[in-house]
Amino acid sequence: MVFVDDRAHSVECLADFEEFTQFVSRLCDAATEMAKRQAPDETDGSEPYGGIPVASASFRPDPDTGHIQGNLVTDTGDTLTVQLGPLLAAHMARDLVMALPAPPAS
């Protein structure tokens, strides 16, 4: 995977399927956390938003715009389309990759 920001800085990441799955899982965790932070205060009497129960996700780069586009499919079959701008995608990718556990020393 190569992530490029709007200033043409790039980060290249090699990942096996398990690592890529962890990456997507962390994207889903980030989406849930963002939903929690955008939820209204519990003091106003409304129910907090529980996040999105993601069953599967698929992302791909758009070579024309540099955006990362994808779909999240919920466990009930609803689809949510996601589009991340190049700078946001690069920052999220960097932070998520840096948060991955270090590989075991060989």
PDB file of N, CA and C in Angstrom:
ATOM      1  N   MET A   1       0.855  -1.162   0.000  1.00  0.00           N
ATOM      2  CA  MET A   1       0.000   0.000   0.000  1.00  0.00           C
ATOM      3  C   MET A   1       0.900   1.224   0.000  1.00  0.00           C
ATOM      4  N   VAL A   2       0.523   2.215  -0.774  1.00  0.00           N
ATOM      5  CA  VAL A   2       1.235   3.485  -0.788  1.00  0.00           C
ATOM      6  C   VAL A   2       0.216   4.579  -0.513  1.00  0.00           C
ATOM      7  N   PHE A   3       0.498   5.404   0.471  1.00  0.00           N
ATOM      8  CA  PHE A   3      -0.367   6.522   0.809  1.00  0.00           C
ATOM      9  C   PHE A   3       0.384   7.801   0.475  1.00  0.00           C
ATOM     10  N   VAL A   4      -0.268   8.698  -0.269  1.00  0.00           N
ATOM     11  CA  VAL A   4       0.358   9.940  -0.707  1.00  0.00           C
ATOM     12  C   VAL A   4      -0.515  11.109  -0.261  1.00  0.00           C
ATOM     13  N   ASP A   5       0.113  12.123   0.374  1.00  0.00           N
ATOM     14  CA  ASP A   5      -0.664  13.290   0.785  1.00  0.00           C
ATOM     15  C   ASP A   5      -0.678  14.340  -0.322  1.00  0.00           C
ATOM     16  N   ASP A   6      -1.336  15.465  -0.059  1.00  0.00           N
ATOM     17  CA  ASP A   6      -1.482  16.486  -1.091  1.00  0.00           C
ATOM     18  C   ASP A   6      -0.183  17.212  -1.415  1.00  0.00           C
ATOM     19  N   ARG A   7       0.858  16.993  -0.640  1.00  0.00           N
ATOM     20  CA  ARG A   7       2.171  17.581  -0.927  1.00  0.00           C
ATOM     21  C   ARG A   7       3.110  16.561  -1.560  1.00  0.00           C
ATOM     22  N   ALA A   8       2.568  15.448  -1.987  1.00  0.00           N
ATOM     23  CA  ALA A   8       3.299  14.361  -2.645  1.00  0.00           C
ATOM     24  C   ALA A   8       4.250  13.620  -1.703  1.00  0.00           C
ATOM     25  N   HIS A   9       4.061  13.763  -0.385  1.00  0.00           N
ATOM     26  CA  HIS A   9       4.800  12.927   0.553  1.00  0.00           C
ATOM     27  C   HIS A   9       4.138  11.554   0.542  1.00  0.00           C
ATOM     28  N   SER A  10       4.934  10.514   0.533  1.00  0.00           N
ATOM     29  CA  SER A  10       4.338   9.184   0.475  1.00  0.00           C
ATOM     30  C   SER A  10       4.877   8.293   1.581  1.00  0.00           C
ATOM     31  N   VAL A  11       4.050   7.342   1.941  1.00  0.00           N
ATOM     32  CA  VAL A  11       4.417   6.311   2.896  1.00  0.00           C
ATOM     33  C   VAL A  11       4.073   4.991   2.235  1.00  0.00           C
ATOM     34  N   GLU A  12       5.051   4.109   2.139  1.00  0.00           N
ATOM     35  CA  GLU A  12       4.811   2.797   1.544  1.00  0.00           C
ATOM     36  C   GLU A  12       4.760   1.765   2.658  1.00  0.00           C
ATOM     37  N   CYS A  13       3.763   0.921   2.612  1.00  0.00           N
ATOM     38  CA  CYS A  13       3.585  -0.104   3.631  1.00  0.00           C
ATOM     39  C   CYS A  13       3.383  -1.450   2.948  1.00  0.00           C
ATOM     40  N   LEU A  14       4.154  -2.413   3.348  1.00  0.00           N
ATOM     41  CA  LEU A  14       3.949  -3.777   2.881  1.00  0.00           C
ATOM     42  C   LEU A  14       3.200  -4.515   3.977  1.00  0.00           C
ATOM     43  N   ALA A  15       2.154  -5.201   3.600  1.00  0.00           N
ATOM     44  CA  ALA A  15       1.339  -5.878   4.605  1.00  0.00           C
ATOM     45  C   ALA A  15       0.822  -7.198   4.050  1.00  0.00           C
ATOM     46  N   ASP A  16       0.809  -8.203   4.909  1.00  0.00           N
ATOM     47  CA  ASP A  16       0.158  -9.443   4.512  1.00  0.00           C
ATOM     48  C   ASP A  16      -1.341  -9.297   4.790  1.00  0.00           C
ATOM     49  N   PHE A  17      -2.103 -10.322   4.478  1.00  0.00           N
ATOM     50  CA  PHE A  17      -3.554 -10.222   4.612  1.00  0.00           C
ATOM     51  C   PHE A  17      -3.971  -9.945   6.048  1.00  0.00           C
ATOM     52  N   GLU A  18      -3.321 -10.587   7.011  1.00  0.00           N
ATOM     53  CA  GLU A  18      -3.682 -10.387   8.420  1.00  0.00           C
ATOM     54  C   GLU A  18      -3.427  -8.941   8.844  1.00  0.00           C
ATOM     55  N   GLU A  19      -2.295  -8.388   8.437  1.00  0.00           N
ATOM     56  CA  GLU A  19      -1.993  -6.993   8.780  1.00  0.00           C
ATOM     57  C   GLU A  19      -2.978  -6.039   8.112  1.00  0.00           C
ATOM     58  N   PHE A  20      -3.346  -6.332   6.861  1.00  0.00           N
ATOM     59  CA  PHE A  20      -4.317  -5.488   6.171  1.00  0.00           C
ATOM     60  C   PHE A  20      -5.672  -5.562   6.870  1.00  0.00           C
ATOM     61  N   THR A  21      -6.045  -6.754   7.314  1.00  0.00           N
ATOM     62  CA  THR A  21      -7.296  -6.920   8.045  1.00  0.00           C
ATOM     63  C   THR A  21      -7.265  -6.112   9.343  1.00  0.00           C
ATOM     64  N   GLN A  22      -6.127  -6.114  10.035  1.00  0.00           N
ATOM     65  CA  GLN A  22      -5.990  -5.299  11.250  1.00  0.00           C
ATOM     66  C   GLN A  22      -6.131  -3.818  10.911  1.00  0.00           C
ATOM     67  N   PHE A  23      -5.559  -3.402   9.789  1.00  0.00           N
ATOM     68  CA  PHE A  23      -5.651  -2.011   9.348  1.00  0.00           C
ATOM     69  C   PHE A  23      -7.107  -1.613   9.139  1.00  0.00           C
ATOM     70  N   VAL A  24      -7.860  -2.447   8.425  1.00  0.00           N
ATOM     71  CA  VAL A  24      -9.278  -2.162   8.184  1.00  0.00           C
ATOM     72  C   VAL A  24     -10.044  -2.162   9.503  1.00  0.00           C
ATOM     73  N   SER A  25      -9.702  -3.089  10.389  1.00  0.00           N
ATOM     74  CA  SER A  25     -10.356  -3.132  11.697  1.00  0.00           C
ATOM     75  C   SER A  25     -10.104  -1.842  12.469  1.00  0.00           C
ATOM     76  N   ARG A  26      -8.891  -1.329  12.395  1.00  0.00           N
ATOM     77  CA  ARG A  26      -8.580  -0.068  13.080  1.00  0.00           C
ATOM     78  C   ARG A  26      -9.318   1.105  12.436  1.00  0.00           C
ATOM     79  N   LEU A  27      -9.508   1.058  11.116  1.00  0.00           N
ATOM     80  CA  LEU A  27     -10.326   2.085  10.469  1.00  0.00           C
ATOM     81  C   LEU A  27     -11.746   2.048  11.023  1.00  0.00           C
ATOM     82  N   CYS A  28     -12.264   0.841  11.198  1.00  0.00           N
ATOM     83  CA  CYS A  28     -13.615   0.696  11.755  1.00  0.00           C
ATOM     84  C   CYS A  28     -13.658   1.200  13.193  1.00  0.00           C
ATOM     85  N   ASP A  29     -12.615   0.896  13.976  1.00  0.00           N
ATOM     86  CA  ASP A  29     -12.542   1.401  15.349  1.00  0.00           C
ATOM     87  C   ASP A  29     -12.508   2.926  15.357  1.00  0.00           C
ATOM     88  N   ALA A  30     -11.743   3.500  14.416  1.00  0.00           N
ATOM     89  CA  ALA A  30     -11.666   4.962  14.330  1.00  0.00           C
ATOM     90  C   ALA A  30     -13.028   5.551  13.979  1.00  0.00           C
ATOM     91  N   ALA A  31     -13.762   4.889  13.076  1.00  0.00           N
ATOM     92  CA  ALA A  31     -15.098   5.368  12.707  1.00  0.00           C
ATOM     93  C   ALA A  31     -16.033   5.325  13.911  1.00  0.00           C
ATOM     94  N   THR A  32     -15.934   4.275  14.711  1.00  0.00           N
ATOM     95  CA  THR A  32     -16.762   4.170  15.911  1.00  0.00           C
ATOM     96  C   THR A  32     -16.399   5.264  16.908  1.00  0.00           C
ATOM     97  N   GLU A  33     -15.100   5.505  17.080  1.00  0.00           N
ATOM     98  CA  GLU A  33     -14.655   6.548  18.006  1.00  0.00           C
ATOM     99  C   GLU A  33     -15.106   7.925  17.533  1.00  0.00           C
ATOM    100  N   MET A  34     -15.015   8.194  16.231  1.00  0.00           N
ATOM    101  CA  MET A  34     -15.478   9.483  15.712  1.00  0.00           C
ATOM    102  C   MET A  34     -16.970   9.649  15.957  1.00  0.00           C
ATOM    103  N   ALA A  35     -17.729   8.569  15.788  1.00  0.00           N
ATOM    104  CA  ALA A  35     -19.173   8.637  16.030  1.00  0.00           C
ATOM    105  C   ALA A  35     -19.452   8.943  17.498  1.00  0.00           C
ATOM    106  N   LYS A  36     -18.673   8.342  18.396  1.00  0.00           N
ATOM    107  CA  LYS A  36     -18.853   8.611  19.828  1.00  0.00           C
ATOM    108  C   LYS A  36     -18.571  10.071  20.143  1.00  0.00           C
ATOM    109  N   ARG A  37     -17.521  10.605  19.540  1.00  0.00           N
ATOM    110  CA  ARG A  37     -17.146  11.995  19.823  1.00  0.00           C
ATOM    111  C   ARG A  37     -18.145  12.985  19.241  1.00  0.00           C
ATOM    112  N   GLN A  38     -18.860  12.578  18.197  1.00  0.00           N
ATOM    113  CA  GLN A  38     -19.847  13.457  17.590  1.00  0.00           C
ATOM    114  C   GLN A  38     -21.220  13.290  18.224  1.00  0.00           C
ATOM    115  N   ALA A  39     -21.351  12.309  19.109  1.00  0.00           N
ATOM    116  CA  ALA A  39     -22.641  12.063  19.758  1.00  0.00           C
ATOM    117  C   ALA A  39     -22.965  13.219  20.693  1.00  0.00           C
ATOM    118  N   PRO A  40     -24.245  13.530  20.838  1.00  0.00           N
ATOM    119  CA  PRO A  40     -24.621  14.603  21.770  1.00  0.00           C
ATOM    120  C   PRO A  40     -24.267  14.224  23.203  1.00  0.00           C
ATOM    121  N   ASP A  41     -24.095  15.233  24.035  1.00  0.00           N
ATOM    122  CA  ASP A  41     -23.814  14.975  25.448  1.00  0.00           C
ATOM    123  C   ASP A  41     -24.955  14.167  26.054  1.00  0.00           C
ATOM    124  N   GLU A  42     -24.596  13.252  26.951  1.00  0.00           N
ATOM    125  CA  GLU A  42     -25.618  12.427  27.590  1.00  0.00           C
ATOM    126  C   GLU A  42     -26.507  13.254  28.508  1.00  0.00           C
ATOM    127  N   THR A  43     -26.061  14.442  28.868  1.00  0.00           N
ATOM    128  CA  THR A  43     -26.848  15.278  29.771  1.00  0.00           C
ATOM    129  C   THR A  43     -28.076  15.863  29.099  1.00  0.00           C
ATOM    130  N   ASP A  44     -28.144  15.835  27.761  1.00  0.00           N
ATOM    131  CA  ASP A  44     -29.309  16.414  27.091  1.00  0.00           C
ATOM    132  C   ASP A  44     -30.465  15.422  26.962  1.00  0.00           C
ATOM    133  N   GLY A  45     -30.299  14.214  27.517  1.00  0.00           N
ATOM    134  CA  GLY A  45     -31.389  13.254  27.545  1.00  0.00           C
ATOM    135  C   GLY A  45     -31.511  12.379  26.313  1.00  0.00           C
ATOM    136  N   SER A  46     -30.736  12.618  25.284  1.00  0.00           N
ATOM    137  CA  SER A  46     -30.832  11.784  24.087  1.00  0.00           C
ATOM    138  C   SER A  46     -29.914  10.572  24.218  1.00  0.00           C
ATOM    139  N   GLU A  47     -30.223   9.562  23.441  1.00  0.00           N
ATOM    140  CA  GLU A  47     -29.423   8.348  23.454  1.00  0.00           C
ATOM    141  C   GLU A  47     -28.107   8.588  22.715  1.00  0.00           C
ATOM    142  N   PRO A  48     -26.970   8.115  23.261  1.00  0.00           N
ATOM    143  CA  PRO A  48     -25.707   8.259  22.538  1.00  0.00           C
ATOM    144  C   PRO A  48     -25.690   7.351  21.317  1.00  0.00           C
ATOM    145  N   TYR A  49     -24.993   7.780  20.286  1.00  0.00           N
ATOM    146  CA  TYR A  49     -24.880   6.986  19.064  1.00  0.00           C
ATOM    147  C   TYR A  49     -23.955   5.814  19.320  1.00  0.00           C
ATOM    148  N   GLY A  50     -24.381   4.629  18.950  1.00  0.00           N
ATOM    149  CA  GLY A  50     -23.626   3.425  19.248  1.00  0.00           C
ATOM    150  C   GLY A  50     -22.561   3.052  18.249  1.00  0.00           C
ATOM    151  N   GLY A  51     -22.339   3.863  17.236  1.00  0.00           N
ATOM    152  CA  GLY A  51     -21.344   3.520  16.230  1.00  0.00           C
ATOM    153  C   GLY A  51     -21.967   2.722  15.098  1.00  0.00           C
ATOM    154  N   ILE A  52     -21.135   2.289  14.195  1.00  0.00           N
ATOM    155  CA  ILE A  52     -21.592   1.547  13.022  1.00  0.00           C
ATOM    156  C   ILE A  52     -21.123   0.105  13.160  1.00  0.00           C
ATOM    157  N   PRO A  53     -22.040  -0.862  13.197  1.00  0.00           N
ATOM    158  CA  PRO A  53     -21.635  -2.267  13.286  1.00  0.00           C
ATOM    159  C   PRO A  53     -21.165  -2.770  11.918  1.00  0.00           C
ATOM    160  N   VAL A  54     -19.879  -2.652  11.644  1.00  0.00           N
ATOM    161  CA  VAL A  54     -19.335  -2.970  10.324  1.00  0.00           C
ATOM    162  C   VAL A  54     -19.102  -4.467  10.193  1.00  0.00           C
ATOM    163  N   ALA A  55     -19.671  -5.052   9.129  1.00  0.00           N
ATOM    164  CA  ALA A  55     -19.470  -6.466   8.834  1.00  0.00           C
ATOM    165  C   ALA A  55     -18.352  -6.655   7.817  1.00  0.00           C
ATOM    166  N   SER A  56     -18.213  -5.711   6.877  1.00  0.00           N
ATOM    167  CA  SER A  56     -17.128  -5.781   5.899  1.00  0.00           C
ATOM    168  C   SER A  56     -16.809  -4.386   5.389  1.00  0.00           C
ATOM    169  N   ALA A  57     -15.611  -4.254   4.828  1.00  0.00           N
ATOM    170  CA  ALA A  57     -15.172  -2.962   4.310  1.00  0.00           C
ATOM    171  C   ALA A  57     -14.308  -3.187   3.081  1.00  0.00           C
ATOM    172  N   SER A  58     -14.371  -2.246   2.165  1.00  0.00           N
ATOM    173  CA  SER A  58     -13.563  -2.312   0.950  1.00  0.00           C
ATOM    174  C   SER A  58     -13.130  -0.896   0.601  1.00  0.00           C
ATOM    175  N   PHE A  59     -11.821  -0.680   0.446  1.00  0.00           N
ATOM    176  CA  PHE A  59     -11.291   0.636   0.119  1.00  0.00           C
ATOM    177  C   PHE A  59     -10.366   0.547  -1.082  1.00  0.00           C
ATOM    178  N   ARG A  60     -10.288   1.646  -1.851  1.00  0.00           N
ATOM    179  CA  ARG A  60      -9.402   1.695  -3.012  1.00  0.00           C
ATOM    180  C   ARG A  60      -9.005   3.150  -3.250  1.00  0.00           C
ATOM    181  N   PRO A  61      -7.802   3.355  -3.792  1.00  0.00           N
ATOM    182  CA  PRO A  61      -7.398   4.725  -4.112  1.00  0.00           C
ATOM    183  C   PRO A  61      -8.021   5.175  -5.426  1.00  0.00           C
ATOM    184  N   ASP A  62      -8.331   6.456  -5.532  1.00  0.00           N
ATOM    185  CA  ASP A  62      -8.791   7.038  -6.793  1.00  0.00           C
ATOM    186  C   ASP A  62      -7.578   7.698  -7.434  1.00  0.00           C
ATOM    187  N   PRO A  63      -7.054   7.132  -8.529  1.00  0.00           N
ATOM    188  CA  PRO A  63      -5.826   7.667  -9.120  1.00  0.00           C
ATOM    189  C   PRO A  63      -5.974   9.083  -9.669  1.00  0.00           C
ATOM    190  N   ASP A  64      -7.189   9.503  -9.979  1.00  0.00           N
ATOM    191  CA  ASP A  64      -7.393  10.841 -10.536  1.00  0.00           C
ATOM    192  C   ASP A  64      -7.395  11.925  -9.468  1.00  0.00           C
ATOM    193  N   THR A  65      -7.966  11.640  -8.308  1.00  0.00           N
ATOM    194  CA  THR A  65      -8.106  12.672  -7.274  1.00  0.00           C
ATOM    195  C   THR A  65      -7.186  12.465  -6.083  1.00  0.00           C
ATOM    196  N   GLY A  66      -6.653  11.259  -5.910  1.00  0.00           N
ATOM    197  CA  GLY A  66      -5.833  10.965  -4.745  1.00  0.00           C
ATOM    198  C   GLY A  66      -6.641  10.620  -3.514  1.00  0.00           C
ATOM    199  N   HIS A  67      -7.966  10.632  -3.631  1.00  0.00           N
ATOM    200  CA  HIS A  67      -8.823  10.282  -2.502  1.00  0.00           C
ATOM    201  C   HIS A  67      -8.813   8.769  -2.301  1.00  0.00           C
ATOM    202  N   ILE A  68      -9.138   8.356  -1.100  1.00  0.00           N
ATOM    203  CA  ILE A  68      -9.385   6.939  -0.838  1.00  0.00           C
ATOM    204  C   ILE A  68     -10.885   6.788  -0.703  1.00  0.00           C
ATOM    205  N   GLN A  69     -11.447   5.909  -1.511  1.00  0.00           N
ATOM    206  CA  GLN A  69     -12.886   5.692  -1.523  1.00  0.00           C
ATOM    207  C   GLN A  69     -13.172   4.264  -1.096  1.00  0.00           C
ATOM    208  N   GLY A  70     -14.299   4.095  -0.471  1.00  0.00           N
ATOM    209  CA  GLY A  70     -14.643   2.749  -0.067  1.00  0.00           C
ATOM    210  C   GLY A  70     -16.058   2.647   0.440  1.00  0.00           C
ATOM    211  N   ASN A  71     -16.391   1.448   0.830  1.00  0.00           N
ATOM    212  CA  ASN A  71     -17.720   1.163   1.351  1.00  0.00           C
ATOM    213  C   ASN A  71     -17.593   0.369   2.638  1.00  0.00           C
ATOM    214  N   LEU A  72     -18.436   0.716   3.576  1.00  0.00           N
ATOM    215  CA  LEU A  72     -18.597  -0.066   4.792  1.00  0.00           C
ATOM    216  C   LEU A  72     -19.967  -0.716   4.711  1.00  0.00           C
ATOM    217  N   VAL A  73     -20.040  -2.000   4.966  1.00  0.00           N
ATOM    218  CA  VAL A  73     -21.311  -2.721   4.948  1.00  0.00           C
ATOM    219  C   VAL A  73     -21.616  -3.146   6.376  1.00  0.00           C
ATOM    220  N   THR A  74     -22.796  -2.766   6.850  1.00  0.00           N
ATOM    221  CA  THR A  74     -23.172  -3.099   8.222  1.00  0.00           C
ATOM    222  C   THR A  74     -23.645  -4.542   8.306  1.00  0.00           C
ATOM    223  N   ASP A  75     -23.807  -5.009   9.525  1.00  0.00           N
ATOM    224  CA  ASP A  75     -24.282  -6.383   9.711  1.00  0.00           C
ATOM    225  C   ASP A  75     -25.732  -6.561   9.281  1.00  0.00           C
ATOM    226  N   THR A  76     -26.444  -5.451   9.027  1.00  0.00           N
ATOM    227  CA  THR A  76     -27.819  -5.544   8.517  1.00  0.00           C
ATOM    228  C   THR A  76     -27.885  -5.354   7.003  1.00  0.00           C
ATOM    229  N   GLY A  77     -26.712  -5.185   6.355  1.00  0.00           N
ATOM    230  CA  GLY A  77     -26.671  -5.062   4.902  1.00  0.00           C
ATOM    231  C   GLY A  77     -26.694  -3.642   4.373  1.00  0.00           C
ATOM    232  N   ASP A  78     -26.802  -2.646   5.254  1.00  0.00           N
ATOM    233  CA  ASP A  78     -26.755  -1.257   4.802  1.00  0.00           C
ATOM    234  C   ASP A  78     -25.336  -0.920   4.359  1.00  0.00           C
ATOM    235  N   THR A  79     -25.221  -0.054   3.358  1.00  0.00           N
ATOM    236  CA  THR A  79     -23.917   0.338   2.837  1.00  0.00           C
ATOM    237  C   THR A  79     -23.682   1.818   3.079  1.00  0.00           C
ATOM    238  N   LEU A  80     -22.497   2.139   3.558  1.00  0.00           N
ATOM    239  CA  LEU A  80     -22.091   3.518   3.788  1.00  0.00           C
ATOM    240  C   LEU A  80     -20.873   3.788   2.914  1.00  0.00           C
ATOM    241  N   THR A  81     -20.968   4.776   2.036  1.00  0.00           N
ATOM    242  CA  THR A  81     -19.850   5.137   1.173  1.00  0.00           C
ATOM    243  C   THR A  81     -18.966   6.140   1.904  1.00  0.00           C
ATOM    244  N   VAL A  82     -17.660   5.914   1.841  1.00  0.00           N
ATOM    245  CA  VAL A  82     -16.686   6.748   2.533  1.00  0.00           C
ATOM    246  C   VAL A  82     -15.707   7.302   1.511  1.00  0.00           C
ATOM    247  N   GLN A  83     -15.383   8.587   1.637  1.00  0.00           N
ATOM    248  CA  GLN A  83     -14.355   9.188   0.788  1.00  0.00           C
ATOM    249  C   GLN A  83     -13.465  10.047   1.671  1.00  0.00           C
ATOM    250  N   LEU A  84     -12.171   9.740   1.666  1.00  0.00           N
ATOM    251  CA  LEU A  84     -11.203  10.481   2.458  1.00  0.00           C
ATOM    252  C   LEU A  84     -10.301  11.267   1.527  1.00  0.00           C
ATOM    253  N   GLY A  85     -10.103  12.539   1.820  1.00  0.00           N
ATOM    254  CA  GLY A  85      -9.178  13.352   1.046  1.00  0.00           C
ATOM    255  C   GLY A  85      -7.752  12.869   1.240  1.00  0.00           C
ATOM    256  N   PRO A  86      -6.849  13.227   0.330  1.00  0.00           N
ATOM    257  CA  PRO A  86      -5.476  12.722   0.397  1.00  0.00           C
ATOM    258  C   PRO A  86      -4.764  13.029   1.713  1.00  0.00           C
ATOM    259  N   LEU A  87      -4.902  14.245   2.213  1.00  0.00           N
ATOM    260  CA  LEU A  87      -4.190  14.605   3.438  1.00  0.00           C
ATOM    261  C   LEU A  87      -4.734  13.837   4.640  1.00  0.00           C
ATOM    262  N   LEU A  88      -6.060  13.776   4.770  1.00  0.00           N
ATOM    263  CA  LEU A  88      -6.660  13.033   5.873  1.00  0.00           C
ATOM    264  C   LEU A  88      -6.315  11.551   5.774  1.00  0.00           C
ATOM    265  N   ALA A  89      -6.387  11.002   4.576  1.00  0.00           N
ATOM    266  CA  ALA A  89      -6.060   9.587   4.386  1.00  0.00           C
ATOM    267  C   ALA A  89      -4.612   9.313   4.779  1.00  0.00           C
ATOM    268  N   ALA A  90      -3.707  10.199   4.391  1.00  0.00           N
ATOM    269  CA  ALA A  90      -2.294  10.009   4.726  1.00  0.00           C
ATOM    270  C   ALA A  90      -2.076  10.072   6.235  1.00  0.00           C
ATOM    271  N   HIS A  91      -2.706  11.034   6.900  1.00  0.00           N
ATOM    272  CA  HIS A  91      -2.555  11.144   8.358  1.00  0.00           C
ATOM    273  C   HIS A  91      -3.158   9.938   9.069  1.00  0.00           C
ATOM    274  N   MET A  92      -4.338   9.514   8.647  1.00  0.00           N
ATOM    275  CA  MET A  92      -4.963   8.348   9.281  1.00  0.00           C
ATOM    276  C   MET A  92      -4.130   7.100   9.052  1.00  0.00           C
ATOM    277  N   ALA A  93      -3.658   6.920   7.817  1.00  0.00           N
ATOM    278  CA  ALA A  93      -2.857   5.736   7.510  1.00  0.00           C
ATOM    279  C   ALA A  93      -1.582   5.720   8.344  1.00  0.00           C
ATOM    280  N   ARG A  94      -0.907   6.863   8.432  1.00  0.00           N
ATOM    281  CA  ARG A  94       0.319   6.944   9.224  1.00  0.00           C
ATOM    282  C   ARG A  94       0.034   6.589  10.681  1.00  0.00           C
ATOM    283  N   ASP A  95      -1.004   7.188  11.249  1.00  0.00           N
ATOM    284  CA  ASP A  95      -1.324   6.939  12.652  1.00  0.00           C
ATOM    285  C   ASP A  95      -1.736   5.494  12.895  1.00  0.00           C
ATOM    286  N   LEU A  96      -2.505   4.929  11.973  1.00  0.00           N
ATOM    287  CA  LEU A  96      -2.948   3.548  12.144  1.00  0.00           C
ATOM    288  C   LEU A  96      -1.797   2.569  11.993  1.00  0.00           C
ATOM    289  N   VAL A  97      -0.920   2.818  11.017  1.00  0.00           N
ATOM    290  CA  VAL A  97       0.229   1.924  10.830  1.00  0.00           C
ATOM    291  C   VAL A  97       1.157   2.011  12.037  1.00  0.00           C
ATOM    292  N   MET A  98       1.355   3.210  12.553  1.00  0.00           N
ATOM    293  CA  MET A  98       2.227   3.363  13.720  1.00  0.00           C
ATOM    294  C   MET A  98       1.625   2.711  14.961  1.00  0.00           C
ATOM    295  N   ALA A  99       0.306   2.556  14.995  1.00  0.00           N
ATOM    296  CA  ALA A  99      -0.353   1.938  16.145  1.00  0.00           C
ATOM    297  C   ALA A  99      -0.355   0.415  16.075  1.00  0.00           C
ATOM    298  N   LEU A 100       0.002  -0.150  14.919  1.00  0.00           N
ATOM    299  CA  LEU A 100       0.042  -1.607  14.802  1.00  0.00           C
ATOM    300  C   LEU A 100       1.124  -2.167  15.715  1.00  0.00           C
ATOM    301  N   PRO A 101       0.900  -3.357  16.253  1.00  0.00           N
ATOM    302  CA  PRO A 101       1.930  -3.948  17.104  1.00  0.00           C
ATOM    303  C   PRO A 101       3.189  -4.238  16.292  1.00  0.00           C
ATOM    304  N   ALA A 102       4.325  -4.088  16.939  1.00  0.00           N
ATOM    305  CA  ALA A 102       5.599  -4.360  16.272  1.00  0.00           C
ATOM    306  C   ALA A 102       5.699  -5.848  15.966  1.00  0.00           C
ATOM    307  N   PRO A 103       6.307  -6.188  14.826  1.00  0.00           N
ATOM    308  CA  PRO A 103       6.470  -7.613  14.514  1.00  0.00           C
ATOM    309  C   PRO A 103       7.460  -8.245  15.491  1.00  0.00           C
ATOM    310  N   PRO A 104       7.307  -9.539  15.731  1.00  0.00           N
ATOM    311  CA  PRO A 104       8.225 -10.200  16.660  1.00  0.00           C
ATOM    312  C   PRO A 104       9.654 -10.179  16.108  1.00  0.00           C
ATOM    313  N   ALA A 105      10.616 -10.029  16.997  1.00  0.00           N
ATOM    314  CA  ALA A 105      12.023 -10.039  16.583  1.00  0.00           C
ATOM    315  C   ALA A 105      12.386 -11.437  16.115  1.00  0.00           C
ATOM    316  N   SER A 106      13.156 -11.488  15.039  1.00  0.00           N
ATOM    317  CA  SER A 106      13.528 -12.820  14.527  1.00  0.00           C
ATOM    318  C   SER A 106      14.980 -13.105  14.738  1.00  0.00           C
TER     319      SER A 106
END
